Amino acid sequence: MKRIEAIIKPFTVEALRTALASSGFGVQRVMQVEEFGRDSIQETVSGTEYSIDSDPRLLLLLFVEDSRVDEVIHIIQCNASTDN
């Protein structure tokens, strides 16, 4: 068994979960995480300016058989890649 972790953007999760489930990977764990270290985002709420130093991300966690690792990685790359 191998443990696979993928940090993905929230808007990609539904397509990825559907693709994994249709390939027989039914048990998936998704957790909310924050990504730090990139440029901060400036937002104005009710006239007050805020600086957000993190981006919301999701952590997908899977345990798969050794023989299916490449298949899972390919599914993740095809369905959650943002080319960044």
PDB file of N, CA and C in Angstrom:
ATOM      1  N   MET A   1       0.849  -1.186   0.000  1.00  0.00           N
ATOM      2  CA  MET A   1       0.000   0.000   0.000  1.00  0.00           C
ATOM      3  C   MET A   1       0.884   1.235   0.000  1.00  0.00           C
ATOM      4  N   LYS A   2       0.414   2.243  -0.701  1.00  0.00           N
ATOM      5  CA  LYS A   2       1.084   3.538  -0.750  1.00  0.00           C
ATOM      6  C   LYS A   2       0.107   4.616  -0.316  1.00  0.00           C
ATOM      7  N   ARG A   3       0.651   5.616   0.311  1.00  0.00           N
ATOM      8  CA  ARG A   3      -0.127   6.790   0.711  1.00  0.00           C
ATOM      9  C   ARG A   3       0.157   7.882  -0.301  1.00  0.00           C
ATOM     10  N   ILE A   4      -0.902   8.439  -0.875  1.00  0.00           N
ATOM     11  CA  ILE A   4      -0.763   9.517  -1.851  1.00  0.00           C
ATOM     12  C   ILE A   4      -1.460  10.745  -1.297  1.00  0.00           C
ATOM     13  N   GLU A   5      -0.739  11.863  -1.295  1.00  0.00           N
ATOM     14  CA  GLU A   5      -1.291  13.144  -0.874  1.00  0.00           C
ATOM     15  C   GLU A   5      -1.206  14.104  -2.040  1.00  0.00           C
ATOM     16  N   ALA A   6      -2.277  14.850  -2.266  1.00  0.00           N
ATOM     17  CA  ALA A   6      -2.286  15.849  -3.329  1.00  0.00           C
ATOM     18  C   ALA A   6      -2.923  17.122  -2.794  1.00  0.00           C
ATOM     19  N   ILE A   7      -2.232  18.231  -2.957  1.00  0.00           N
ATOM     20  CA  ILE A   7      -2.769  19.538  -2.602  1.00  0.00           C
ATOM     21  C   ILE A   7      -3.431  20.081  -3.865  1.00  0.00           C
ATOM     22  N   ILE A   8      -4.737  20.347  -3.777  1.00  0.00           N
ATOM     23  CA  ILE A   8      -5.478  20.779  -4.958  1.00  0.00           C
ATOM     24  C   ILE A   8      -6.272  22.041  -4.649  1.00  0.00           C
ATOM     25  N   LYS A   9      -6.667  22.727  -5.705  1.00  0.00           N
ATOM     26  CA  LYS A   9      -7.529  23.898  -5.538  1.00  0.00           C
ATOM     27  C   LYS A   9      -8.964  23.418  -5.363  1.00  0.00           C
ATOM     28  N   PRO A  10      -9.751  24.132  -4.567  1.00  0.00           N
ATOM     29  CA  PRO A  10     -11.113  23.682  -4.250  1.00  0.00           C
ATOM     30  C   PRO A  10     -12.013  23.463  -5.462  1.00  0.00           C
ATOM     31  N   PHE A  11     -11.851  24.246  -6.519  1.00  0.00           N
ATOM     32  CA  PHE A  11     -12.751  24.116  -7.663  1.00  0.00           C
ATOM     33  C   PHE A  11     -12.505  22.845  -8.473  1.00  0.00           C
ATOM     34  N   THR A  12     -11.421  22.116  -8.204  1.00  0.00           N
ATOM     35  CA  THR A  12     -11.130  20.887  -8.945  1.00  0.00           C
ATOM     36  C   THR A  12     -11.607  19.629  -8.235  1.00  0.00           C
ATOM     37  N   VAL A  13     -12.092  19.755  -7.014  1.00  0.00           N
ATOM     38  CA  VAL A  13     -12.357  18.569  -6.193  1.00  0.00           C
ATOM     39  C   VAL A  13     -13.482  17.694  -6.735  1.00  0.00           C
ATOM     40  N   GLU A  14     -14.554  18.271  -7.230  1.00  0.00           N
ATOM     41  CA  GLU A  14     -15.678  17.448  -7.680  1.00  0.00           C
ATOM     42  C   GLU A  14     -15.320  16.599  -8.889  1.00  0.00           C
ATOM     43  N   ALA A  15     -14.654  17.182  -9.875  1.00  0.00           N
ATOM     44  CA  ALA A  15     -14.244  16.420 -11.058  1.00  0.00           C
ATOM     45  C   ALA A  15     -13.263  15.324 -10.669  1.00  0.00           C
ATOM     46  N   LEU A  16     -12.355  15.638  -9.755  1.00  0.00           N
ATOM     47  CA  LEU A  16     -11.366  14.661  -9.322  1.00  0.00           C
ATOM     48  C   LEU A  16     -12.018  13.522  -8.545  1.00  0.00           C
ATOM     49  N   ARG A  17     -12.905  13.841  -7.639  1.00  0.00           N
ATOM     50  CA  ARG A  17     -13.588  12.802  -6.859  1.00  0.00           C
ATOM     51  C   ARG A  17     -14.417  11.893  -7.762  1.00  0.00           C
ATOM     52  N   THR A  18     -15.081  12.471  -8.739  1.00  0.00           N
ATOM     53  CA  THR A  18     -15.870  11.675  -9.681  1.00  0.00           C
ATOM     54  C   THR A  18     -14.981  10.738 -10.499  1.00  0.00           C
ATOM     55  N   ALA A  19     -13.863  11.252 -10.996  1.00  0.00           N
ATOM     56  CA  ALA A  19     -12.943  10.433 -11.791  1.00  0.00           C
ATOM     57  C   ALA A  19     -12.340   9.304 -10.953  1.00  0.00           C
ATOM     58  N   LEU A  20     -11.974   9.600  -9.720  1.00  0.00           N
ATOM     59  CA  LEU A  20     -11.412   8.562  -8.856  1.00  0.00           C
ATOM     60  C   LEU A  20     -12.457   7.497  -8.520  1.00  0.00           C
ATOM     61  N   ALA A  21     -13.669   7.923  -8.222  1.00  0.00           N
ATOM     62  CA  ALA A  21     -14.728   6.973  -7.878  1.00  0.00           C
ATOM     63  C   ALA A  21     -15.077   6.083  -9.064  1.00  0.00           C
ATOM     64  N   SER A  22     -15.112   6.642 -10.261  1.00  0.00           N
ATOM     65  CA  SER A  22     -15.444   5.841 -11.441  1.00  0.00           C
ATOM     66  C   SER A  22     -14.334   4.861 -11.804  1.00  0.00           C
ATOM     67  N   SER A  23     -13.127   5.095 -11.291  1.00  0.00           N
ATOM     68  CA  SER A  23     -12.010   4.173 -11.519  1.00  0.00           C
ATOM     69  C   SER A  23     -11.847   3.171 -10.382  1.00  0.00           C
ATOM     70  N   GLY A  24     -12.764   3.205  -9.409  1.00  0.00           N
ATOM     71  CA  GLY A  24     -12.731   2.222  -8.342  1.00  0.00           C
ATOM     72  C   GLY A  24     -12.037   2.666  -7.070  1.00  0.00           C
ATOM     73  N   PHE A  25     -11.717   3.935  -6.962  1.00  0.00           N
ATOM     74  CA  PHE A  25     -11.091   4.467  -5.755  1.00  0.00           C
ATOM     75  C   PHE A  25     -12.164   5.177  -4.939  1.00  0.00           C
ATOM     76  N   GLY A  26     -12.920   4.407  -4.185  1.00  0.00           N
ATOM     77  CA  GLY A  26     -14.082   4.936  -3.496  1.00  0.00           C
ATOM     78  C   GLY A  26     -13.791   5.708  -2.230  1.00  0.00           C
ATOM     79  N   VAL A  27     -12.800   5.298  -1.453  1.00  0.00           N
ATOM     80  CA  VAL A  27     -12.526   5.952  -0.173  1.00  0.00           C
ATOM     81  C   VAL A  27     -11.491   7.048  -0.392  1.00  0.00           C
ATOM     82  N   GLN A  28     -11.925   8.285  -0.178  1.00  0.00           N
ATOM     83  CA  GLN A  28     -11.048   9.441  -0.348  1.00  0.00           C
ATOM     84  C   GLN A  28     -11.223  10.350   0.853  1.00  0.00           C
ATOM     85  N   ARG A  29     -10.142  10.869   1.334  1.00  0.00           N
ATOM     86  CA  ARG A  29     -10.199  11.809   2.449  1.00  0.00           C
ATOM     87  C   ARG A  29      -9.804  13.182   1.924  1.00  0.00           C
ATOM     88  N   VAL A  30     -10.610  14.183   2.242  1.00  0.00           N
ATOM     89  CA  VAL A  30     -10.340  15.546   1.809  1.00  0.00           C
ATOM     90  C   VAL A  30     -10.360  16.436   3.037  1.00  0.00           C
ATOM     91  N   MET A  31      -9.291  17.208   3.211  1.00  0.00           N
ATOM     92  CA  MET A  31      -9.181  18.112   4.351  1.00  0.00           C
ATOM     93  C   MET A  31      -8.881  19.519   3.855  1.00  0.00           C
ATOM     94  N   GLN A  32      -9.391  20.510   4.549  1.00  0.00           N
ATOM     95  CA  GLN A  32      -9.092  21.895   4.209  1.00  0.00           C
ATOM     96  C   GLN A  32      -7.729  22.259   4.784  1.00  0.00           C
ATOM     97  N   VAL A  33      -6.910  22.895   3.961  1.00  0.00           N
ATOM     98  CA  VAL A  33      -5.592  23.361   4.386  1.00  0.00           C
ATOM     99  C   VAL A  33      -5.388  24.772   3.846  1.00  0.00           C
ATOM    100  N   GLU A  34      -4.408  25.456   4.367  1.00  0.00           N
ATOM    101  CA  GLU A  34      -4.046  26.791   3.902  1.00  0.00           C
ATOM    102  C   GLU A  34      -2.640  26.748   3.337  1.00  0.00           C
ATOM    103  N   GLU A  35      -2.430  27.454   2.237  1.00  0.00           N
ATOM    104  CA  GLU A  35      -1.113  27.530   1.622  1.00  0.00           C
ATOM    105  C   GLU A  35      -0.529  28.914   1.883  1.00  0.00           C
ATOM    106  N   PHE A  36       0.652  28.943   2.472  1.00  0.00           N
ATOM    107  CA  PHE A  36       1.335  30.199   2.776  1.00  0.00           C
ATOM    108  C   PHE A  36       2.582  30.319   1.910  1.00  0.00           C
ATOM    109  N   GLY A  37       3.079  31.536   1.775  1.00  0.00           N
ATOM    110  CA  GLY A  37       4.332  31.736   1.079  1.00  0.00           C
ATOM    111  C   GLY A  37       4.194  32.363  -0.289  1.00  0.00           C
ATOM    112  N   ARG A  38       2.992  32.525  -0.758  1.00  0.00           N
ATOM    113  CA  ARG A  38       2.772  33.183  -2.046  1.00  0.00           C
ATOM    114  C   ARG A  38       2.456  34.652  -1.792  1.00  0.00           C
ATOM    115  N   ASP A  39       2.186  35.380  -2.859  1.00  0.00           N
ATOM    116  CA  ASP A  39       1.827  36.793  -2.725  1.00  0.00           C
ATOM    117  C   ASP A  39       0.551  36.938  -1.910  1.00  0.00           C
ATOM    118  N   SER A  40       0.500  37.974  -1.102  1.00  0.00           N
ATOM    119  CA  SER A  40      -0.707  38.200  -0.313  1.00  0.00           C
ATOM    120  C   SER A  40      -1.791  38.816  -1.197  1.00  0.00           C
ATOM    121  N   ILE A  41      -3.028  38.583  -0.818  1.00  0.00           N
ATOM    122  CA  ILE A  41      -4.181  39.074  -1.554  1.00  0.00           C
ATOM    123  C   ILE A  41      -4.768  40.246  -0.772  1.00  0.00           C
ATOM    124  N   GLN A  42      -5.064  41.332  -1.460  1.00  0.00           N
ATOM    125  CA  GLN A  42      -5.675  42.501  -0.831  1.00  0.00           C
ATOM    126  C   GLN A  42      -7.174  42.476  -1.109  1.00  0.00           C
ATOM    127  N   GLU A  43      -7.982  42.562  -0.067  1.00  0.00           N
ATOM    128  CA  GLU A  43      -9.428  42.610  -0.210  1.00  0.00           C
ATOM    129  C   GLU A  43      -9.982  43.750   0.620  1.00  0.00           C
ATOM    130  N   THR A  44     -11.076  44.325   0.141  1.00  0.00           N
ATOM    131  CA  THR A  44     -11.762  45.386   0.871  1.00  0.00           C
ATOM    132  C   THR A  44     -13.145  44.888   1.245  1.00  0.00           C
ATOM    133  N   VAL A  45     -13.437  44.897   2.554  1.00  0.00           N
ATOM    134  CA  VAL A  45     -14.729  44.461   3.068  1.00  0.00           C
ATOM    135  C   VAL A  45     -15.303  45.597   3.902  1.00  0.00           C
ATOM    136  N   SER A  46     -16.462  46.068   3.525  1.00  0.00           N
ATOM    137  CA  SER A  46     -17.149  47.168   4.225  1.00  0.00           C
ATOM    138  C   SER A  46     -16.238  48.368   4.418  1.00  0.00           C
ATOM    139  N   GLY A  47     -15.456  48.690   3.392  1.00  0.00           N
ATOM    140  CA  GLY A  47     -14.597  49.860   3.432  1.00  0.00           C
ATOM    141  C   GLY A  47     -13.265  49.652   4.141  1.00  0.00           C
ATOM    142  N   THR A  48     -13.044  48.498   4.717  1.00  0.00           N
ATOM    143  CA  THR A  48     -11.786  48.209   5.408  1.00  0.00           C
ATOM    144  C   THR A  48     -10.951  47.265   4.552  1.00  0.00           C
ATOM    145  N   GLU A  49      -9.665  47.608   4.363  1.00  0.00           N
ATOM    146  CA  GLU A  49      -8.787  46.786   3.529  1.00  0.00           C
ATOM    147  C   GLU A  49      -8.091  45.732   4.384  1.00  0.00           C
ATOM    148  N   TYR A  50      -8.119  44.503   3.894  1.00  0.00           N
ATOM    149  CA  TYR A  50      -7.483  43.375   4.585  1.00  0.00           C
ATOM    150  C   TYR A  50      -6.444  42.739   3.677  1.00  0.00           C
ATOM    151  N   SER A  51      -5.412  42.210   4.296  1.00  0.00           N
ATOM    152  CA  SER A  51      -4.387  41.476   3.563  1.00  0.00           C
ATOM    153  C   SER A  51      -4.474  40.009   3.962  1.00  0.00           C
ATOM    154  N   ILE A  52      -4.660  39.157   2.963  1.00  0.00           N
ATOM    155  CA  ILE A  52      -4.761  37.727   3.216  1.00  0.00           C
ATOM    156  C   ILE A  52      -3.470  37.074   2.731  1.00  0.00           C
ATOM    157  N   ASP A  53      -2.767  36.424   3.635  1.00  0.00           N
ATOM    158  CA  ASP A  53      -1.468  35.851   3.308  1.00  0.00           C
ATOM    159  C   ASP A  53      -1.534  34.364   2.971  1.00  0.00           C
ATOM    160  N   SER A  54      -2.727  33.802   2.878  1.00  0.00           N
ATOM    161  CA  SER A  54      -2.836  32.384   2.582  1.00  0.00           C
ATOM    162  C   SER A  54      -3.920  32.141   1.536  1.00  0.00           C
ATOM    163  N   ASP A  55      -3.795  31.023   0.853  1.00  0.00           N
ATOM    164  CA  ASP A  55      -4.778  30.607  -0.136  1.00  0.00           C
ATOM    165  C   ASP A  55      -5.418  29.320   0.344  1.00  0.00           C
ATOM    166  N   PRO A  56      -6.745  29.200   0.257  1.00  0.00           N
ATOM    167  CA  PRO A  56      -7.384  27.943   0.657  1.00  0.00           C
ATOM    168  C   PRO A  56      -7.073  26.846  -0.344  1.00  0.00           C
ATOM    169  N   ARG A  57      -6.766  25.686   0.162  1.00  0.00           N
ATOM    170  CA  ARG A  57      -6.485  24.504  -0.653  1.00  0.00           C
ATOM    171  C   ARG A  57      -7.142  23.307   0.013  1.00  0.00           C
ATOM    172  N   LEU A  58      -7.207  22.210  -0.716  1.00  0.00           N
ATOM    173  CA  LEU A  58      -7.700  20.958  -0.179  1.00  0.00           C
ATOM    174  C   LEU A  58      -6.585  19.922  -0.255  1.00  0.00           C
ATOM    175  N   LEU A  59      -6.505  19.104   0.766  1.00  0.00           N
ATOM    176  CA  LEU A  59      -5.544  18.010   0.799  1.00  0.00           C
ATOM    177  C   LEU A  59      -6.319  16.723   0.558  1.00  0.00           C
ATOM    178  N   LEU A  60      -6.025  16.066  -0.550  1.00  0.00           N
ATOM    179  CA  LEU A  60      -6.633  14.786  -0.876  1.00  0.00           C
ATOM    180  C   LEU A  60      -5.694  13.694  -0.409  1.00  0.00           C
ATOM    181  N   LEU A  61      -6.225  12.748   0.344  1.00  0.00           N
ATOM    182  CA  LEU A  61      -5.422  11.662   0.901  1.00  0.00           C
ATOM    183  C   LEU A  61      -6.024  10.337   0.469  1.00  0.00           C
ATOM    184  N   LEU A  62      -5.190   9.498  -0.140  1.00  0.00           N
ATOM    185  CA  LEU A  62      -5.616   8.185  -0.616  1.00  0.00           C
ATOM    186  C   LEU A  62      -4.603   7.123  -0.200  1.00  0.00           C
ATOM    187  N   PHE A  63      -5.091   5.937   0.056  1.00  0.00           N
ATOM    188  CA  PHE A  63      -4.236   4.771   0.249  1.00  0.00           C
ATOM    189  C   PHE A  63      -4.572   3.808  -0.874  1.00  0.00           C
ATOM    190  N   VAL A  64      -3.580   3.487  -1.691  1.00  0.00           N
ATOM    191  CA  VAL A  64      -3.819   2.634  -2.859  1.00  0.00           C
ATOM    192  C   VAL A  64      -2.804   1.497  -2.908  1.00  0.00           C
ATOM    193  N   GLU A  65      -3.167   0.472  -3.637  1.00  0.00           N
ATOM    194  CA  GLU A  65      -2.261  -0.657  -3.830  1.00  0.00           C
ATOM    195  C   GLU A  65      -1.090  -0.217  -4.697  1.00  0.00           C
ATOM    196  N   ASP A  66       0.072  -0.825  -4.462  1.00  0.00           N
ATOM    197  CA  ASP A  66       1.284  -0.443  -5.187  1.00  0.00           C
ATOM    198  C   ASP A  66       1.095  -0.477  -6.704  1.00  0.00           C
ATOM    199  N   SER A  67       0.355  -1.435  -7.198  1.00  0.00           N
ATOM    200  CA  SER A  67       0.191  -1.607  -8.643  1.00  0.00           C
ATOM    201  C   SER A  67      -0.680  -0.519  -9.276  1.00  0.00           C
ATOM    202  N   ARG A  68      -1.389   0.257  -8.473  1.00  0.00           N
ATOM    203  CA  ARG A  68      -2.307   1.274  -9.012  1.00  0.00           C
ATOM    204  C   ARG A  68      -1.845   2.709  -8.763  1.00  0.00           C
ATOM    205  N   VAL A  69      -0.642   2.879  -8.240  1.00  0.00           N
ATOM    206  CA  VAL A  69      -0.136   4.223  -7.922  1.00  0.00           C
ATOM    207  C   VAL A  69      -0.059   5.091  -9.169  1.00  0.00           C
ATOM    208  N   ASP A  70       0.511   4.573 -10.249  1.00  0.00           N
ATOM    209  CA  ASP A  70       0.646   5.370 -11.470  1.00  0.00           C
ATOM    210  C   ASP A  70      -0.715   5.779 -12.025  1.00  0.00           C
ATOM    211  N   GLU A  71      -1.694   4.899 -11.928  1.00  0.00           N
ATOM    212  CA  GLU A  71      -3.042   5.197 -12.397  1.00  0.00           C
ATOM    213  C   GLU A  71      -3.652   6.360 -11.611  1.00  0.00           C
ATOM    214  N   VAL A  72      -3.490   6.334 -10.286  1.00  0.00           N
ATOM    215  CA  VAL A  72      -4.033   7.408  -9.445  1.00  0.00           C
ATOM    216  C   VAL A  72      -3.346   8.731  -9.740  1.00  0.00           C
ATOM    217  N   ILE A  73      -2.040   8.704  -9.880  1.00  0.00           N
ATOM    218  CA  ILE A  73      -1.298   9.937 -10.177  1.00  0.00           C
ATOM    219  C   ILE A  73      -1.761  10.517 -11.508  1.00  0.00           C
ATOM    220  N   HIS A  74      -1.974   9.673 -12.488  1.00  0.00           N
ATOM    221  CA  HIS A  74      -2.447  10.134 -13.796  1.00  0.00           C
ATOM    222  C   HIS A  74      -3.842  10.773 -13.676  1.00  0.00           C
ATOM    223  N   ILE A  75      -4.733  10.156 -12.921  1.00  0.00           N
ATOM    224  CA  ILE A  75      -6.081  10.706 -12.722  1.00  0.00           C
ATOM    225  C   ILE A  75      -6.005  12.068 -12.036  1.00  0.00           C
ATOM    226  N   ILE A  76      -5.160  12.189 -11.025  1.00  0.00           N
ATOM    227  CA  ILE A  76      -5.008  13.468 -10.316  1.00  0.00           C
ATOM    228  C   ILE A  76      -4.468  14.542 -11.257  1.00  0.00           C
ATOM    229  N   GLN A  77      -3.446  14.199 -12.034  1.00  0.00           N
ATOM    230  CA  GLN A  77      -2.865  15.171 -12.952  1.00  0.00           C
ATOM    231  C   GLN A  77      -3.861  15.620 -14.019  1.00  0.00           C
ATOM    232  N   CYS A  78      -4.664  14.703 -14.529  1.00  0.00           N
ATOM    233  CA  CYS A  78      -5.622  15.035 -15.584  1.00  0.00           C
ATOM    234  C   CYS A  78      -6.807  15.858 -15.078  1.00  0.00           C
ATOM    235  N   ASN A  79      -7.199  15.665 -13.823  1.00  0.00           N
ATOM    236  CA  ASN A  79      -8.413  16.300 -13.313  1.00  0.00           C
ATOM    237  C   ASN A  79      -8.188  17.465 -12.364  1.00  0.00           C
ATOM    238  N   ALA A  80      -6.988  17.630 -11.836  1.00  0.00           N
ATOM    239  CA  ALA A  80      -6.766  18.709 -10.871  1.00  0.00           C
ATOM    240  C   ALA A  80      -5.629  19.638 -11.245  1.00  0.00           C
ATOM    241  N   SER A  81      -5.021  19.436 -12.387  1.00  0.00           N
ATOM    242  CA  SER A  81      -3.906  20.287 -12.794  1.00  0.00           C
ATOM    243  C   SER A  81      -4.405  21.673 -13.183  1.00  0.00           C
ATOM    244  N   THR A  82      -3.679  22.686 -12.740  1.00  0.00           N
ATOM    245  CA  THR A  82      -4.002  24.066 -13.112  1.00  0.00           C
ATOM    246  C   THR A  82      -2.881  24.675 -13.964  1.00  0.00           C
ATOM    247  N   ASP A  83      -1.906  23.860 -14.325  1.00  0.00           N
ATOM    248  CA  ASP A  83      -0.751  24.289 -15.137  1.00  0.00           C
ATOM    249  C   ASP A  83       0.107  25.333 -14.428  1.00  0.00           C
ATOM    250  N   ASN A  84       0.001  25.414 -13.108  1.00  0.00           N
ATOM    251  CA  ASN A  84       0.840  26.332 -12.322  1.00  0.00           C
ATOM    252  C   ASN A  84       1.665  25.530 -11.358  1.00  0.00           C
TER     253      ASN A  84
END
